Amino acid sequence: MDLISSCDGKRIIDVGAGATTLIDSLVENGYEVTVLDISSEALRILSNRHGTNLQYINDDLSKALELGEYEIWHDRAVLHFLLNPNDREQYVSNLESCIRSGGFAVIETFSTDGAKMCCGLDLHTYDEEMLVDLLGDNWTLIDSIRHTHINPVGGERPYISTIFKRK
């Protein structure tokens, strides 16, 4: 929440939202929230909690999507699962399609010094330079924080959280 609140704007898309309680905090703090997830079950859980207070998108970020326009993009659970370079390119294309100049991307991912698998799935881990390279010249890295995420079922996961601003 600290990372998101440091960005200007209240219109946010949370990609790979899952059933996170972060959404509760966003709504309580006056954000206009759209959640995107590949899991219809995760969106059902959020819908049961929030009803029509959210916009819901059930889709896959590795495909070309028409997402609308937002001031903030937040991802804590998608990018590191995209192993195919084409899927990562499509992710960036979707990001750029909905965040205009002056908008923000808060991207959180497993760091290169952390786990190589999560939930039985392989990961593509990142450091700051790799994220800068992935997003390209249209984005400026504003902040980066390395921290340890505690997995809900236990276990420490080194993470990197970044804030980028669209040029």
C-alpha atoms as a PDB file:
ATOM      1  CA  MET A   1       0.000   0.000   0.000  1.00  0.00           C
ATOM      2  CA  ASP A   2       2.912   2.355   0.745  1.00  0.00           C
ATOM      3  CA  LEU A   3       4.285   1.938  -2.774  1.00  0.00           C
ATOM      4  CA  ILE A   4       0.927   2.545  -4.415  1.00  0.00           C
ATOM      5  CA  SER A   5       0.065   5.549  -2.252  1.00  0.00           C
ATOM      6  CA  SER A   6       3.351   7.201  -3.250  1.00  0.00           C
ATOM      7  CA  CYS A   7       2.067   7.351  -6.859  1.00  0.00           C
ATOM      8  CA  ASP A   8      -0.179  10.150  -8.126  1.00  0.00           C
ATOM      9  CA  GLY A   9      -3.625   8.943  -9.084  1.00  0.00           C
ATOM     10  CA  LYS A  10      -6.556   6.913  -7.821  1.00  0.00           C
ATOM     11  CA  ARG A  11      -7.508   4.846 -10.885  1.00  0.00           C
ATOM     12  CA  ILE A  12      -5.657   1.534 -10.552  1.00  0.00           C
ATOM     13  CA  ILE A  13      -5.552  -1.861 -12.213  1.00  0.00           C
ATOM     14  CA  ASP A  14      -4.245  -4.696 -10.046  1.00  0.00           C
ATOM     15  CA  VAL A  15      -3.074  -7.478 -12.362  1.00  0.00           C
ATOM     16  CA  GLY A  16      -2.893 -10.983 -10.979  1.00  0.00           C
ATOM     17  CA  ALA A  17      -4.937  -9.732  -8.060  1.00  0.00           C
ATOM     18  CA  GLY A  18      -5.927 -13.132  -6.757  1.00  0.00           C
ATOM     19  CA  ALA A  19      -8.043 -12.785  -3.610  1.00  0.00           C
ATOM     20  CA  THR A  20      -5.611 -10.395  -1.918  1.00  0.00           C
ATOM     21  CA  THR A  21      -6.739  -8.176   0.939  1.00  0.00           C
ATOM     22  CA  LEU A  22      -4.717  -5.340  -0.623  1.00  0.00           C
ATOM     23  CA  ILE A  23      -7.858  -4.686  -2.653  1.00  0.00           C
ATOM     24  CA  ASP A  24      -9.745  -4.024   0.600  1.00  0.00           C
ATOM     25  CA  SER A  25      -7.192  -1.359   1.549  1.00  0.00           C
ATOM     26  CA  LEU A  26      -7.361   0.234  -1.901  1.00  0.00           C
ATOM     27  CA  VAL A  27     -11.143   0.505  -1.747  1.00  0.00           C
ATOM     28  CA  GLU A  28     -11.016   1.877   1.828  1.00  0.00           C
ATOM     29  CA  ASN A  29      -8.541   4.525   0.644  1.00  0.00           C
ATOM     30  CA  GLY A  30     -10.745   5.769  -2.185  1.00  0.00           C
ATOM     31  CA  TYR A  31      -9.109   4.083  -5.180  1.00  0.00           C
ATOM     32  CA  GLU A  32     -11.152   3.233  -8.262  1.00  0.00           C
ATOM     33  CA  VAL A  33     -10.070  -0.398  -8.638  1.00  0.00           C
ATOM     34  CA  THR A  34     -10.065  -2.813 -11.551  1.00  0.00           C
ATOM     35  CA  VAL A  35      -8.820  -6.323 -10.848  1.00  0.00           C
ATOM     36  CA  LEU A  36      -7.503  -8.652 -13.516  1.00  0.00           C
ATOM     37  CA  ASP A  37      -6.839 -12.321 -12.934  1.00  0.00           C
ATOM     38  CA  ILE A  38      -6.657 -15.478 -14.999  1.00  0.00           C
ATOM     39  CA  SER A  39      -8.518 -17.270 -12.179  1.00  0.00           C
ATOM     40  CA  SER A  40     -12.294 -16.897 -12.234  1.00  0.00           C
ATOM     41  CA  GLU A  41     -12.338 -18.350  -8.708  1.00  0.00           C
ATOM     42  CA  ALA A  42     -10.123 -15.536  -7.382  1.00  0.00           C
ATOM     43  CA  LEU A  43     -12.401 -12.968  -9.028  1.00  0.00           C
ATOM     44  CA  ARG A  44     -15.469 -14.703  -7.561  1.00  0.00           C
ATOM     45  CA  ILE A  45     -13.964 -14.390  -4.068  1.00  0.00           C
ATOM     46  CA  LEU A  46     -13.265 -10.686  -4.617  1.00  0.00           C
ATOM     47  CA  SER A  47     -16.742 -10.196  -6.038  1.00  0.00           C
ATOM     48  CA  ASN A  48     -18.274 -11.788  -2.937  1.00  0.00           C
ATOM     49  CA  ARG A  49     -16.337  -9.291  -0.784  1.00  0.00           C
ATOM     50  CA  HIS A  50     -16.738  -6.176  -2.941  1.00  0.00           C
ATOM     51  CA  GLY A  51     -19.677  -6.644  -5.300  1.00  0.00           C
ATOM     52  CA  THR A  52     -19.973  -3.764  -7.736  1.00  0.00           C
ATOM     53  CA  ASN A  53     -17.295  -1.661  -5.987  1.00  0.00           C
ATOM     54  CA  LEU A  54     -14.713  -3.148  -8.391  1.00  0.00           C
ATOM     55  CA  GLN A  55     -14.390  -3.748 -12.104  1.00  0.00           C
ATOM     56  CA  TYR A  56     -13.452  -7.357 -12.909  1.00  0.00           C
ATOM     57  CA  ILE A  57     -11.453  -8.709 -15.854  1.00  0.00           C
ATOM     58  CA  ASN A  58     -10.976 -12.472 -16.219  1.00  0.00           C
ATOM     59  CA  ASP A  59      -8.175 -12.814 -18.765  1.00  0.00           C
ATOM     60  CA  ASP A  60      -4.534 -13.648 -19.503  1.00  0.00           C
ATOM     61  CA  LEU A  61      -1.878 -10.891 -19.640  1.00  0.00           C
ATOM     62  CA  SER A  62       0.185 -12.897 -22.098  1.00  0.00           C
ATOM     63  CA  LYS A  63      -2.507 -12.131 -24.724  1.00  0.00           C
ATOM     64  CA  ALA A  64      -3.285  -8.765 -26.309  1.00  0.00           C
ATOM     65  CA  LEU A  65      -6.014  -7.157 -24.196  1.00  0.00           C
ATOM     66  CA  GLU A  66      -8.102  -3.998 -24.274  1.00  0.00           C
ATOM     67  CA  LEU A  67      -7.920  -2.931 -20.644  1.00  0.00           C
ATOM     68  CA  GLY A  68      -8.973   0.706 -20.596  1.00  0.00           C
ATOM     69  CA  GLU A  69      -6.955   3.551 -19.112  1.00  0.00           C
ATOM     70  CA  TYR A  70      -5.488   3.769 -15.607  1.00  0.00           C
ATOM     71  CA  GLU A  71      -3.101   5.950 -13.629  1.00  0.00           C
ATOM     72  CA  ILE A  72      -1.458   3.059 -11.754  1.00  0.00           C
ATOM     73  CA  TRP A  73      -0.640  -0.532 -12.719  1.00  0.00           C
ATOM     74  CA  HIS A  74       0.109  -2.892  -9.822  1.00  0.00           C
ATOM     75  CA  ASP A  75       1.565  -6.389 -10.210  1.00  0.00           C
ATOM     76  CA  ARG A  76       2.754  -8.531  -7.320  1.00  0.00           C
ATOM     77  CA  ALA A  77       2.054 -11.934  -8.781  1.00  0.00           C
ATOM     78  CA  VAL A  78       2.197 -12.169 -12.579  1.00  0.00           C
ATOM     79  CA  LEU A  79       5.422 -11.107 -14.264  1.00  0.00           C
ATOM     80  CA  HIS A  80       7.687 -13.631 -12.544  1.00  0.00           C
ATOM     81  CA  PHE A  81       5.504 -16.491 -13.875  1.00  0.00           C
ATOM     82  CA  LEU A  82       5.905 -15.417 -17.515  1.00  0.00           C
ATOM     83  CA  LEU A  83       8.742 -17.615 -18.757  1.00  0.00           C
ATOM     84  CA  ASN A  84       8.374 -17.084 -22.497  1.00  0.00           C
ATOM     85  CA  PRO A  85       9.967 -13.866 -23.851  1.00  0.00           C
ATOM     86  CA  ASN A  86       6.935 -13.339 -26.132  1.00  0.00           C
ATOM     87  CA  ASP A  87       4.634 -13.464 -23.098  1.00  0.00           C
ATOM     88  CA  ARG A  88       6.768 -10.843 -21.336  1.00  0.00           C
ATOM     89  CA  GLU A  89       6.681  -8.629 -24.444  1.00  0.00           C
ATOM     90  CA  GLN A  90       2.883  -8.894 -24.508  1.00  0.00           C
ATOM     91  CA  TYR A  91       2.784  -8.041 -20.791  1.00  0.00           C
ATOM     92  CA  VAL A  92       4.701  -4.811 -21.504  1.00  0.00           C
ATOM     93  CA  SER A  93       2.445  -4.081 -24.482  1.00  0.00           C
ATOM     94  CA  ASN A  94      -0.651  -4.457 -22.274  1.00  0.00           C
ATOM     95  CA  LEU A  95       0.966  -2.255 -19.617  1.00  0.00           C
ATOM     96  CA  GLU A  96       1.726   0.470 -22.142  1.00  0.00           C
ATOM     97  CA  SER A  97      -1.752   0.248 -23.662  1.00  0.00           C
ATOM     98  CA  CYS A  98      -3.397   1.328 -20.418  1.00  0.00           C
ATOM     99  CA  ILE A  99      -0.860   3.599 -18.670  1.00  0.00           C
ATOM    100  CA  ARG A 100      -0.287   6.958 -20.351  1.00  0.00           C
ATOM    101  CA  SER A 101       2.561   9.430 -19.934  1.00  0.00           C
ATOM    102  CA  GLY A 102       2.865  10.454 -16.274  1.00  0.00           C
ATOM    103  CA  GLY A 103       1.291   7.204 -15.022  1.00  0.00           C
ATOM    104  CA  PHE A 104       2.932   4.602 -12.815  1.00  0.00           C
ATOM    105  CA  ALA A 105       3.743   0.896 -12.774  1.00  0.00           C
ATOM    106  CA  VAL A 106       4.328  -0.734  -9.393  1.00  0.00           C
ATOM    107  CA  ILE A 107       5.891  -4.081 -10.217  1.00  0.00           C
ATOM    108  CA  GLU A 108       6.839  -6.555  -7.522  1.00  0.00           C
ATOM    109  CA  THR A 109       8.593  -9.797  -8.369  1.00  0.00           C
ATOM    110  CA  PHE A 110      10.881 -12.481  -7.018  1.00  0.00           C
ATOM    111  CA  SER A 111      14.452 -11.205  -6.994  1.00  0.00           C
ATOM    112  CA  THR A 112      17.389 -12.969  -8.619  1.00  0.00           C
ATOM    113  CA  ASP A 113      18.770 -13.953  -5.220  1.00  0.00           C
ATOM    114  CA  GLY A 114      15.552 -15.736  -4.268  1.00  0.00           C
ATOM    115  CA  ALA A 115      13.454 -18.769  -5.072  1.00  0.00           C
ATOM    116  CA  LYS A 116      13.448 -20.283  -8.544  1.00  0.00           C
ATOM    117  CA  MET A 117      10.044 -21.925  -8.043  1.00  0.00           C
ATOM    118  CA  CYS A 118       6.774 -20.934  -6.384  1.00  0.00           C
ATOM    119  CA  CYS A 119       3.697 -23.129  -5.922  1.00  0.00           C
ATOM    120  CA  GLY A 120       5.432 -25.797  -8.009  1.00  0.00           C
ATOM    121  CA  LEU A 121       5.875 -23.389 -10.942  1.00  0.00           C
ATOM    122  CA  ASP A 122       9.150 -22.151 -12.417  1.00  0.00           C
ATOM    123  CA  LEU A 123       9.946 -18.462 -12.025  1.00  0.00           C
ATOM    124  CA  HIS A 124      11.722 -15.838 -14.089  1.00  0.00           C
ATOM    125  CA  THR A 125      13.415 -13.713 -11.415  1.00  0.00           C
ATOM    126  CA  TYR A 126      14.533 -10.089 -11.762  1.00  0.00           C
ATOM    127  CA  ASP A 127      16.815  -7.386 -10.501  1.00  0.00           C
ATOM    128  CA  GLU A 128      16.379  -3.661 -11.114  1.00  0.00           C
ATOM    129  CA  GLU A 129      18.446  -3.618 -14.312  1.00  0.00           C
ATOM    130  CA  MET A 130      16.464  -6.502 -15.810  1.00  0.00           C
ATOM    131  CA  LEU A 131      13.178  -4.697 -15.119  1.00  0.00           C
ATOM    132  CA  VAL A 132      14.533  -1.456 -16.602  1.00  0.00           C
ATOM    133  CA  ASP A 133      15.594  -3.378 -19.714  1.00  0.00           C
ATOM    134  CA  LEU A 134      12.243  -5.146 -19.967  1.00  0.00           C
ATOM    135  CA  LEU A 135      10.162  -1.963 -19.738  1.00  0.00           C
ATOM    136  CA  GLY A 136      12.476  -0.061 -22.069  1.00  0.00           C
ATOM    137  CA  ASP A 137      12.942   3.608 -22.848  1.00  0.00           C
ATOM    138  CA  ASN A 138       9.322   4.636 -22.192  1.00  0.00           C
ATOM    139  CA  TRP A 139       9.750   4.180 -18.429  1.00  0.00           C
ATOM    140  CA  THR A 140      11.909   5.659 -15.663  1.00  0.00           C
ATOM    141  CA  LEU A 141      12.720   3.705 -12.505  1.00  0.00           C
ATOM    142  CA  ILE A 142      11.631   5.930  -9.596  1.00  0.00           C
ATOM    143  CA  ASP A 143      12.232   3.618  -6.638  1.00  0.00           C
ATOM    144  CA  SER A 144      13.303   0.088  -5.837  1.00  0.00           C
ATOM    145  CA  ILE A 145      13.043  -1.794  -2.565  1.00  0.00           C
ATOM    146  CA  ARG A 146      14.448  -5.211  -1.811  1.00  0.00           C
ATOM    147  CA  HIS A 147      12.645  -7.049   0.943  1.00  0.00           C
ATOM    148  CA  THR A 148      11.652 -10.479   2.158  1.00  0.00           C
ATOM    149  CA  HIS A 149       8.078 -11.558   1.495  1.00  0.00           C
ATOM    150  CA  ILE A 150       6.724 -14.124   3.949  1.00  0.00           C
ATOM    151  CA  ASN A 151       4.766 -16.743   2.034  1.00  0.00           C
ATOM    152  CA  PRO A 152       1.204 -17.321   3.387  1.00  0.00           C
ATOM    153  CA  VAL A 153       2.096 -20.961   4.116  1.00  0.00           C
ATOM    154  CA  GLY A 154       5.475 -20.044   5.586  1.00  0.00           C
ATOM    155  CA  GLY A 155       8.859 -19.516   4.034  1.00  0.00           C
ATOM    156  CA  GLU A 156      10.847 -16.442   3.147  1.00  0.00           C
ATOM    157  CA  ARG A 157      10.936 -15.169  -0.429  1.00  0.00           C
ATOM    158  CA  PRO A 158      13.395 -12.412  -1.443  1.00  0.00           C
ATOM    159  CA  TYR A 159      11.447  -9.873  -3.483  1.00  0.00           C
ATOM    160  CA  ILE A 160      12.084  -6.683  -5.380  1.00  0.00           C
ATOM    161  CA  SER A 161       9.421  -3.974  -5.468  1.00  0.00           C
ATOM    162  CA  THR A 162       9.768  -1.184  -8.001  1.00  0.00           C
ATOM    163  CA  ILE A 163       7.974   1.968  -9.041  1.00  0.00           C
ATOM    164  CA  PHE A 164       8.293   3.114 -12.655  1.00  0.00           C
ATOM    165  CA  LYS A 165       6.916   6.310 -14.177  1.00  0.00           C
ATOM    166  CA  ARG A 166       5.852   6.464 -17.810  1.00  0.00           C
ATOM    167  CA  LYS A 167       7.730   9.137 -19.798  1.00  0.00           C
END
